[in-house]
Protein backbone atom coordinates (compact mmCIF):
# COMPACT_ATOMS: atom_id res chain seq x y z
CA MET A 1 4.89 -3.86 14.35
CA ARG A 2 8.60 -3.83 13.38
CA ARG A 3 10.55 -0.70 14.49
CA ASP A 4 13.58 -2.02 12.40
CA LEU A 5 11.26 -2.10 9.15
CA ILE A 6 9.70 1.17 9.86
CA ALA A 7 13.14 2.89 10.02
CA ASP A 8 13.71 2.06 6.40
CA CYS A 9 11.08 4.60 5.27
CA VAL A 10 12.60 7.84 4.36
CA HIS A 11 9.29 9.66 3.62
CA CYS A 12 10.37 10.26 0.05
CA GLY A 13 6.76 10.21 -1.36
CA PHE A 14 7.30 7.95 -4.18
CA CYS A 15 4.42 5.63 -2.85
CA LEU A 16 1.77 8.56 -2.83
CA PRO A 17 0.87 8.29 -6.38
CA THR A 18 0.35 4.50 -6.37
CA CYS A 19 -1.68 4.55 -3.23
CA PRO A 20 -5.54 4.08 -3.96
CA THR A 21 -6.69 5.93 -0.71
CA TYR A 22 -4.33 8.58 -1.13
CA LEU A 23 -5.43 9.21 -4.51
CA LEU A 24 -9.10 9.22 -3.43
CA TRP A 25 -8.83 11.53 -0.52
CA GLY A 26 -5.32 13.25 -0.48
CA GLU A 27 -5.03 12.66 3.22
CA GLU A 28 -1.46 11.85 4.38
CA MET A 29 -2.54 9.47 7.09
CA ASP A 30 -4.16 7.33 4.42
CA SER A 31 -0.81 6.91 2.46
CA PRO A 32 1.69 4.42 3.07
CA ARG A 33 4.18 6.82 4.63
CA GLY A 34 1.60 8.40 6.68
CA ARG A 35 0.35 4.93 8.12
CA ILE A 36 4.13 4.01 8.66
CA TYR A 37 4.25 7.27 10.85
CA LEU A 38 1.24 6.23 12.70
CA MET A 39 2.90 2.81 13.38
CA LYS A 40 5.88 4.75 14.88
CA ASN A 41 3.63 6.70 17.09
CA VAL A 42 2.07 3.55 18.60
CA LEU A 43 5.35 2.06 19.24
CA ASP A 44 6.53 5.22 20.93
CA GLY A 45 3.34 5.04 23.23
CA ALA A 46 0.47 6.53 21.21
CA PRO A 47 -2.89 4.75 21.90
CA MET A 48 -4.30 2.44 19.34
CA ASP A 49 -7.64 4.28 19.20
CA ASP A 50 -10.39 4.01 16.84
CA SER A 51 -9.12 6.87 14.61
CA THR A 52 -5.77 5.14 14.23
CA ILE A 53 -7.29 1.92 13.52
CA GLN A 54 -9.37 3.32 10.76
CA HIS A 55 -6.52 4.55 9.07
CA PHE A 56 -4.93 1.06 9.07
CA ASP A 57 -8.38 -0.56 8.18
CA ALA A 58 -8.53 1.85 5.26
CA CYS A 59 -5.52 0.58 3.53
CA LEU A 60 -6.25 -1.94 0.79
CA GLY A 61 -3.13 -4.00 1.29
CA CYS A 62 -2.49 -3.87 -2.44
CA MET A 63 1.12 -3.44 -2.26
CA ALA A 64 1.54 -1.21 -5.12
CA CYS A 65 3.58 0.96 -2.85
CA VAL A 66 6.10 -1.88 -2.35
CA THR A 67 6.66 -2.04 -6.04
CA ALA A 68 7.22 1.83 -6.24
CA CYS A 69 9.39 2.20 -3.34
CA PRO A 70 12.95 3.01 -4.12
CA SER A 71 14.16 2.17 -0.65
CA GLY A 72 12.86 -1.46 -0.40
CA VAL A 73 10.42 -0.57 2.53
CA GLN A 74 8.66 -3.83 3.43
CA TYR A 75 5.26 -2.14 3.81
CA ASP A 76 3.52 -5.67 3.28
CA VAL A 77 5.22 -7.01 6.25
CA LEU A 78 4.63 -3.86 8.35
CA ILE A 79 0.83 -3.70 7.35
CA GLU A 80 0.35 -7.32 8.13
CA THR A 81 2.03 -7.22 11.59
CA THR A 82 0.19 -3.92 12.36
CA ARG A 83 -3.02 -5.53 11.52
CA SER A 84 -2.23 -8.33 13.88
CA GLU A 85 -1.84 -5.72 16.63
CA VAL A 86 -4.98 -4.08 15.63
CA GLU A 87 -7.00 -7.42 15.97
CA THR A 88 -5.84 -7.49 19.74
CA HIS A 89 -7.56 -4.16 19.98
CA ARG A 90 -10.53 -4.78 17.95
CA ALA A 91 -12.81 -3.86 20.81
CA SER A 92 -11.90 -0.16 19.66
CA ARG A 93 -13.77 -0.85 16.52
CA SER A 94 -17.52 0.01 16.32
CA ALA A 95 -20.00 -2.87 16.99
CA ARG A 96 -21.19 -2.85 13.43
CA ARG A 97 -17.52 -3.05 11.98
CA THR A 98 -16.95 -5.84 14.40
CA ALA A 99 -20.02 -7.75 13.47
CA VAL A 100 -19.29 -7.33 9.57
CA ARG A 101 -15.79 -8.90 10.05
CA ARG A 102 -17.31 -11.69 12.26
CA LEU A 103 -19.99 -12.44 9.40
CA ILE A 104 -17.28 -12.62 6.90
CA PHE A 105 -14.95 -14.81 8.53
CA ALA A 106 -17.67 -17.23 9.62
CA THR A 107 -18.55 -17.60 5.92
CA PHE A 108 -15.96 -17.13 3.38
CA PRO A 109 -13.11 -19.29 4.41
CA TYR A 110 -15.47 -22.29 4.66
CA PRO A 111 -16.40 -23.80 1.25
CA ARG A 112 -19.05 -26.13 2.55
CA ARG A 113 -20.88 -23.13 4.05
CA LEU A 114 -20.41 -21.25 0.63
CA ARG A 115 -21.71 -24.29 -0.94
CA ALA A 116 -24.69 -24.33 1.37
CA LEU A 117 -25.58 -20.91 0.16
CA ARG A 118 -25.56 -21.66 -3.62
CA PRO A 119 -29.21 -22.78 -4.00
CA LEU A 120 -30.42 -19.63 -2.15
CA LEU A 121 -28.32 -17.41 -4.28
CA ARG A 122 -29.29 -19.07 -7.49
CA ALA A 123 -32.97 -18.55 -6.50
CA TYR A 124 -32.21 -15.11 -5.58
CA GLN A 125 -30.75 -14.39 -8.99
CA ALA A 126 -33.39 -16.35 -10.90
CA THR A 127 -36.46 -14.58 -9.40
CA GLY A 128 -35.11 -10.99 -10.11
CA ALA A 129 -34.87 -10.33 -6.41
CA GLN A 130 -31.38 -9.29 -6.73
CA ARG A 131 -32.28 -6.19 -8.79
CA VAL A 132 -34.92 -5.17 -6.07
CA ALA A 133 -32.19 -5.88 -3.34
CA ARG A 134 -29.66 -3.78 -4.96
CA ARG A 135 -32.01 -0.66 -4.83
CA ARG A 136 -33.10 -1.15 -1.34
CA MET A 137 -29.99 -2.34 0.55
CA ARG A 138 -27.25 -0.27 1.76
CA GLY A 139 -23.51 -0.52 2.90
CA THR A 140 -22.09 -4.11 3.05
CA LEU A 141 -25.24 -6.06 2.42
CA SER A 142 -25.65 -4.07 -0.85
CA THR A 143 -22.13 -4.68 -1.89
CA MET A 144 -22.53 -8.44 -1.14
CA ALA A 145 -25.64 -8.55 -3.45
CA GLY A 146 -23.83 -6.59 -6.22
CA LEU A 147 -20.93 -8.70 -6.11
CA VAL A 148 -22.64 -12.32 -6.56
CA PRO A 149 -21.55 -13.81 -9.93
CA PRO A 150 -24.14 -15.67 -11.98
CA LEU A 151 -24.13 -19.21 -10.58
CA GLY A 152 -24.43 -21.89 -12.98
CA VAL A 153 -24.16 -25.71 -12.37
CA ARG A 154 -21.20 -26.49 -9.88
CA GLN A 155 -18.37 -28.18 -11.64
CA ALA A 156 -16.30 -30.60 -9.45
CA VAL A 157 -12.67 -31.08 -10.23
CA PRO A 158 -11.51 -34.86 -10.10
CA ALA A 159 -9.11 -35.88 -7.54
CA VAL A 160 -6.60 -36.86 -10.21
CA THR A 161 -6.65 -35.46 -13.83
CA PRO A 162 -4.25 -37.52 -15.93
CA PRO A 163 -1.92 -35.79 -18.52
CA VAL A 164 -2.77 -35.54 -22.14
CA GLY A 165 0.35 -37.21 -23.81
CA PRO A 166 3.68 -37.80 -21.87
CA GLN A 167 3.66 -36.77 -18.36
CA ARG A 168 5.91 -33.71 -17.80
CA MET A 169 5.01 -32.95 -14.12
CA ARG A 170 2.81 -33.89 -11.26
CA VAL A 171 1.11 -30.82 -9.67
CA GLY A 172 -1.13 -30.29 -6.88
CA MET A 173 -4.07 -27.68 -7.36
CA LEU A 174 -5.56 -25.37 -4.64
CA LEU A 175 -9.32 -25.35 -5.21
CA GLY A 176 -9.81 -22.23 -3.06
CA CYS A 177 -13.00 -21.14 -1.26
CA VAL A 178 -14.86 -18.39 -3.22
CA GLN A 179 -13.06 -19.89 -6.47
CA ARG A 180 -14.33 -23.45 -5.72
CA GLU A 181 -17.86 -22.24 -5.13
CA PHE A 182 -18.62 -19.10 -7.08
CA PHE A 183 -16.21 -19.74 -10.01
CA PRO A 184 -16.04 -23.57 -10.42
CA GLY A 185 -15.43 -23.04 -14.12
CA VAL A 186 -11.98 -21.58 -13.44
CA ASN A 187 -10.85 -24.61 -11.54
CA ALA A 188 -12.31 -26.85 -14.15
CA ALA A 189 -10.27 -24.84 -16.98
CA THR A 190 -7.18 -24.84 -14.78
CA ALA A 191 -7.18 -28.77 -14.60
CA ARG A 192 -7.82 -29.13 -18.39
CA VAL A 193 -5.11 -26.72 -19.33
CA LEU A 194 -2.54 -28.14 -16.94
CA ALA A 195 -3.45 -31.78 -18.42
CA ALA A 196 -3.14 -30.58 -21.92
CA GLU A 197 0.31 -29.35 -21.00
CA GLY A 198 1.43 -32.81 -19.90
CA CYS A 199 0.68 -32.39 -16.17
CA GLU A 200 -0.76 -34.82 -13.79
CA VAL A 201 -3.21 -32.69 -11.83
CA VAL A 202 -3.93 -33.73 -8.21
CA ALA A 203 -6.44 -31.84 -6.37
CA PRO A 204 -6.67 -33.40 -2.91
CA ALA A 205 -10.33 -33.68 -1.81
CA GLY A 206 -9.75 -32.74 1.90
CA GLN A 207 -8.04 -29.48 1.27
CA GLN A 208 -9.36 -26.44 3.11
CA CYS A 209 -8.81 -22.70 3.19
CA CYS A 210 -5.44 -21.46 2.76
CA GLY A 211 -5.73 -18.60 5.11
CA ALA A 212 -5.13 -15.80 2.79
CA LEU A 213 -8.05 -13.59 4.09
CA SER A 214 -7.01 -14.27 7.57
CA LEU A 215 -3.45 -13.46 7.03
CA HIS A 216 -4.15 -10.23 5.07
CA SER A 217 -6.56 -9.13 7.78
CA GLY A 218 -4.39 -9.50 10.78
CA ARG A 219 -5.85 -12.75 12.12
CA GLU A 220 -2.34 -14.52 12.26
CA SER A 221 -3.17 -17.37 14.64
CA GLU A 222 -5.94 -18.58 12.29
CA ALA A 223 -3.77 -17.96 9.35
CA ILE A 224 -1.11 -20.18 10.92
CA THR A 225 -3.56 -23.03 11.72
CA ARG A 226 -4.95 -23.01 8.15
CA ALA A 227 -1.38 -22.95 6.78
CA LYS A 228 -0.24 -25.94 8.64
CA ARG A 229 -3.27 -27.88 7.64
CA LEU A 230 -2.87 -27.01 4.00
CA ILE A 231 0.95 -27.86 4.16
CA THR A 232 -0.01 -31.21 5.60
CA THR A 233 -2.62 -31.93 3.00
CA PHE A 234 -0.36 -31.29 -0.06
CA GLU A 235 2.78 -33.11 1.59
CA ALA A 236 0.60 -36.13 1.48
CA ALA A 237 0.16 -35.60 -2.14
CA HIS A 238 3.78 -35.83 -3.22
CA VAL A 239 3.66 -33.13 -5.91
CA ASP A 240 6.39 -31.45 -7.83
CA ALA A 241 4.62 -28.17 -7.49
CA VAL A 242 1.53 -26.51 -6.05
CA VAL A 243 -0.50 -24.60 -8.56
CA VAL A 244 -2.76 -21.74 -7.62
CA ASN A 245 -5.38 -19.81 -9.70
CA ALA A 246 -6.26 -17.02 -7.20
CA ALA A 247 -3.66 -14.15 -6.60
CA GLY A 248 -4.65 -13.60 -2.99
CA CYS A 249 -4.07 -17.17 -1.96
CA GLY A 250 -0.94 -17.59 -4.03
CA SER A 251 0.80 -14.65 -2.44
CA SER A 252 -0.07 -15.98 1.15
CA MET A 253 0.95 -19.47 0.43
CA LYS A 254 4.46 -17.94 -0.88
CA GLU A 255 4.63 -16.64 2.49
CA TYR A 256 4.14 -19.53 4.57
CA GLY A 257 7.96 -19.77 5.03
CA ARG A 258 8.00 -16.42 6.74
CA LEU A 259 4.73 -16.97 8.76
CA LEU A 260 6.07 -20.21 10.39
CA ALA A 261 9.88 -19.30 10.50
CA GLY A 262 9.58 -19.11 14.27
CA GLU A 263 8.49 -22.60 14.74
CA PRO A 264 11.21 -25.21 14.58
CA ALA A 265 9.02 -28.09 13.85
CA TRP A 266 7.38 -26.21 10.96
CA ALA A 267 9.91 -23.80 9.53
CA ARG A 268 11.59 -26.08 6.83
CA ARG A 269 8.29 -27.72 6.06
CA ALA A 270 6.68 -24.14 5.47
CA ALA A 271 9.72 -23.07 3.47
CA THR A 272 9.71 -26.18 1.22
CA PHE A 273 5.98 -25.76 0.67
CA SER A 274 6.26 -22.15 -0.16
CA ALA A 275 9.01 -22.86 -2.83
CA LYS A 276 6.83 -25.23 -4.61
CA CYS A 277 3.94 -22.61 -4.96
CA ARG A 278 3.29 -21.25 -8.43
CA ASP A 279 0.56 -19.25 -9.95
CA VAL A 280 -0.84 -21.00 -12.85
CA SER A 281 0.40 -18.61 -15.48
CA GLU A 282 3.99 -18.89 -13.81
CA LEU A 283 4.15 -22.56 -14.07
CA LEU A 284 2.64 -22.66 -17.45
CA ALA A 285 5.30 -20.03 -18.70
CA GLU A 286 7.93 -22.34 -17.16
CA LEU A 287 6.93 -25.39 -18.81
CA GLY A 288 6.44 -23.84 -22.03
CA PRO A 289 3.37 -24.74 -24.55
CA VAL A 290 2.90 -28.16 -26.04
CA ALA A 291 -0.92 -28.05 -26.75
CA THR A 292 -2.08 -26.26 -29.92
CA ARG A 293 -3.65 -22.97 -29.49
CA HIS A 294 -6.59 -22.12 -31.94
CA PRO A 295 -7.46 -18.69 -32.86
CA LEU A 296 -9.50 -16.43 -30.63
CA PRO A 297 -10.48 -13.30 -32.75
CA VAL A 298 -11.11 -11.01 -29.68
CA VAL A 299 -9.68 -7.61 -28.31
CA ALA A 300 -8.79 -8.11 -24.81
CA ALA A 301 -7.53 -5.96 -21.75
CA TYR A 302 -5.52 -7.44 -19.03
CA HIS A 303 -5.97 -6.45 -15.27
CA ASP A 304 -3.06 -6.92 -12.90
CA ALA A 305 -4.43 -8.53 -9.83
CA CYS A 306 -2.52 -6.63 -7.03
CA HIS A 307 -1.43 -9.79 -5.23
CA LEU A 308 -0.15 -11.31 -8.50
CA SER A 309 1.65 -8.40 -9.72
CA HIS A 310 2.91 -6.55 -6.83
CA ALA A 311 2.95 -9.29 -4.13
CA GLN A 312 4.31 -12.08 -6.35
CA GLY A 313 6.13 -10.13 -9.21
CA VAL A 314 4.08 -12.14 -11.92
CA ARG A 315 3.52 -9.66 -14.75
CA ALA A 316 4.97 -10.75 -17.80
CA GLN A 317 3.98 -14.44 -17.62
CA PRO A 318 0.13 -14.04 -18.09
CA ARG A 319 0.76 -11.30 -20.78
CA ASP A 320 2.98 -13.61 -22.74
CA LEU A 321 0.66 -16.65 -22.54
CA LEU A 322 -2.20 -14.48 -23.85
CA SER A 323 -0.22 -12.79 -26.50
CA ALA A 324 0.55 -16.31 -27.93
CA ILE A 325 -2.92 -17.02 -28.87
CA PRO A 326 -3.60 -16.40 -32.55
CA GLY A 327 -6.00 -13.69 -33.28
CA LEU A 328 -6.00 -12.21 -29.64
CA GLU A 329 -5.19 -8.59 -29.40
CA LEU A 330 -4.12 -7.51 -25.92
CA ARG A 331 -4.43 -3.83 -24.76
CA GLU A 332 -3.17 -2.28 -21.55
CA ILE A 333 -5.35 -0.56 -19.09
CA PRO A 334 -4.53 3.07 -18.02
CA GLU A 335 -3.29 3.28 -14.33
CA PRO A 336 -2.59 -0.50 -14.33
CA ASP A 337 -0.95 -0.47 -10.88
CA ILE A 338 -4.21 1.18 -9.19
CA CYS A 339 -6.24 -1.36 -7.20
CA CYS A 340 -9.70 -2.15 -8.51
CA GLY A 341 -11.02 -2.06 -4.82
CA SER A 342 -11.51 -5.69 -4.15
CA ALA A 343 -8.46 -6.38 -1.85
CA GLY A 344 -9.70 -9.41 -0.10
CA ILE A 345 -12.62 -8.33 2.15
CA TYR A 346 -12.03 -4.63 1.61
CA ASN A 347 -14.99 -4.18 -0.54
CA LEU A 348 -17.16 -5.51 2.07
CA VAL A 349 -15.82 -3.56 4.90
CA ASN A 350 -15.28 -0.34 3.07
CA PRO A 351 -17.92 -0.33 0.49
CA GLN A 352 -17.73 3.35 -0.51
CA PRO A 353 -14.03 3.86 -1.41
CA ALA A 354 -14.19 0.37 -2.90
CA ARG A 355 -17.13 1.36 -5.14
CA GLU A 356 -15.15 4.49 -6.30
CA LEU A 357 -12.17 2.49 -7.03
CA GLY A 358 -14.15 -0.04 -8.92
CA GLU A 359 -15.93 2.63 -11.04
CA ARG A 360 -12.40 4.29 -11.65
CA LYS A 361 -11.11 0.96 -12.97
CA ALA A 362 -14.19 0.34 -15.06
CA ALA A 363 -13.75 3.64 -16.69
CA ASN A 364 -10.18 2.85 -17.46
CA VAL A 365 -11.14 -0.55 -18.97
CA ARG A 366 -13.73 1.25 -21.22
CA THR A 367 -10.99 3.32 -22.82
CA THR A 368 -9.32 0.31 -24.18
CA GLY A 369 -12.32 -0.45 -26.32
CA ALA A 370 -11.82 -4.19 -25.52
CA SER A 371 -14.73 -6.60 -25.51
CA LEU A 372 -13.04 -8.90 -23.09
CA LEU A 373 -11.47 -8.18 -19.74
CA ILE A 374 -9.06 -10.83 -18.40
CA THR A 375 -7.68 -11.07 -14.80
CA ALA A 376 -6.37 -13.82 -12.30
CA ASN A 377 -8.25 -13.28 -9.13
CA PRO A 378 -11.92 -14.09 -8.31
CA GLY A 379 -12.22 -10.94 -6.01
CA CYS A 380 -11.16 -8.79 -9.11
CA LEU A 381 -13.62 -10.55 -11.38
CA MET A 382 -16.49 -9.83 -9.00
CA GLN A 383 -15.49 -6.19 -8.39
CA ILE A 384 -14.92 -5.34 -11.94
CA ASP A 385 -18.06 -6.91 -13.18
CA SER A 386 -20.05 -5.09 -10.40
CA ALA A 387 -18.74 -1.83 -11.51
CA LEU A 388 -19.10 -2.52 -15.25
CA ARG A 389 -22.67 -3.60 -14.67
CA ARG A 390 -23.66 -0.33 -13.13
CA ASP A 391 -22.98 1.52 -16.26
CA GLY A 392 -24.85 -0.97 -18.36
CA GLN A 393 -22.51 -1.79 -20.96
CA PRO A 394 -21.74 -5.57 -21.67
CA ILE A 395 -18.40 -6.90 -21.68
CA VAL A 396 -17.09 -10.52 -21.12
CA LEU A 397 -14.73 -11.00 -18.20
CA ALA A 398 -12.79 -14.22 -17.87
CA HIS A 399 -9.76 -15.52 -15.83
CA THR A 400 -6.66 -15.90 -17.70
CA ILE A 401 -6.79 -19.73 -17.73
CA GLU A 402 -10.39 -19.59 -19.17
CA VAL A 403 -8.92 -17.88 -22.07
CA LEU A 404 -6.17 -20.35 -22.65
CA ASP A 405 -8.57 -23.09 -22.21
CA ALA A 406 -10.97 -21.90 -24.73
CA SER A 407 -8.09 -21.54 -27.24
CA ILE A 408 -6.77 -25.00 -26.61
CA ARG A 409 -10.34 -26.45 -26.95
CA GLY A 410 -11.31 -24.16 -29.85
CA VAL A 411 -14.54 -22.90 -28.31
CA ASP A 412 -16.07 -19.52 -28.55
CA ILE A 413 -14.76 -17.04 -26.19
CA ARG A 414 -18.54 -15.79 -25.35
CA SER A 415 -19.09 -19.20 -23.79
CA ILE A 416 -16.75 -18.63 -21.20
CA GLY A 417 -16.48 -16.31 -18.05
CA VAL A 418 -18.80 -13.66 -16.68
CA VAL A 419 -21.05 -11.43 -18.98
CA SER A 420 -21.42 -7.96 -17.51
CA ALA A 421 -24.49 -6.00 -17.52
CA ARG A 422 -26.56 -9.09 -17.16
């Protein structure tokens, strides 16, 4: 915890209307300023007991309060350092909550383990067991069952994708963990679009987890180990930029400079790496288009992934890219800054509030009248798809890059993404 950063908070309350848990419960200790008050209490000698930990665990880490704060309070740094402290007191958590976290971190940051689950999950979906399981399971298991997207044939991205036409850049591409195994079409579309815009795309085969889930959950030493490994991998690729298509991963990779600032052997390397990291929409906006966009006659709504809009400040770029597609009408969603409830592992460790936030987001999406929902994070895609499916009204969900890819290739928008209410 950082006493110097805590002192920046003047308890003005501008954060309250943007905080998802405060909106749900109206509880001061479940608002950013309330949690900062708890942080100060702990520094002043109050125990890090289970009640205090639950308030910290209830935070989604969406960073909407950072955007809203007029005093520049670095709540993002405060909650990450606090969660690191919480992890040293994890014996205070219940046995069930501890077991759930262990299961998550033994599975999701490991692409090979996720890949091994794919045949089982595809069989689970194909036999109709998914519908039965959702009726009978509760809590985390029910949430996991409801979030699994339809798994088609796995698409692998080549180690090197040559540019179409003259080369403008040589870029590295993060494949991710959940993105690689549950949304392989997003990675394939990313490589195609970058190549169409004149980039040579390098996707190192040996790359592993970026450590985003670990960093955002307070598992700092684990995050540091993963960061060093990824930096080394992309240094060997000798690329001009490192492109990311998952908002949570991108925000963490841009933090490597801060994460490793205290290690002399790594500080400069980490800062250099972070400076090269770009969300795919960010890089495409910087490059400017050269590939022809074909019409996509569709009404679409764009959902801001929290770790793209609040953590990275990338808001205009995806909207500009989508608005440039002929025939596509882009509509805004009410309460755009309120998290959908995915938030990394949040919907797995706090399924009930996550469900309420997901349904709130789904209801706001419905008001737009859009037949396509676009976002830039795999967790958001799964969360909102799950919520929309529960009300039984079909809608297509797609990653920003899949929509751009469809326009460049001239394919039907219905052939991409995830179809809700399947």
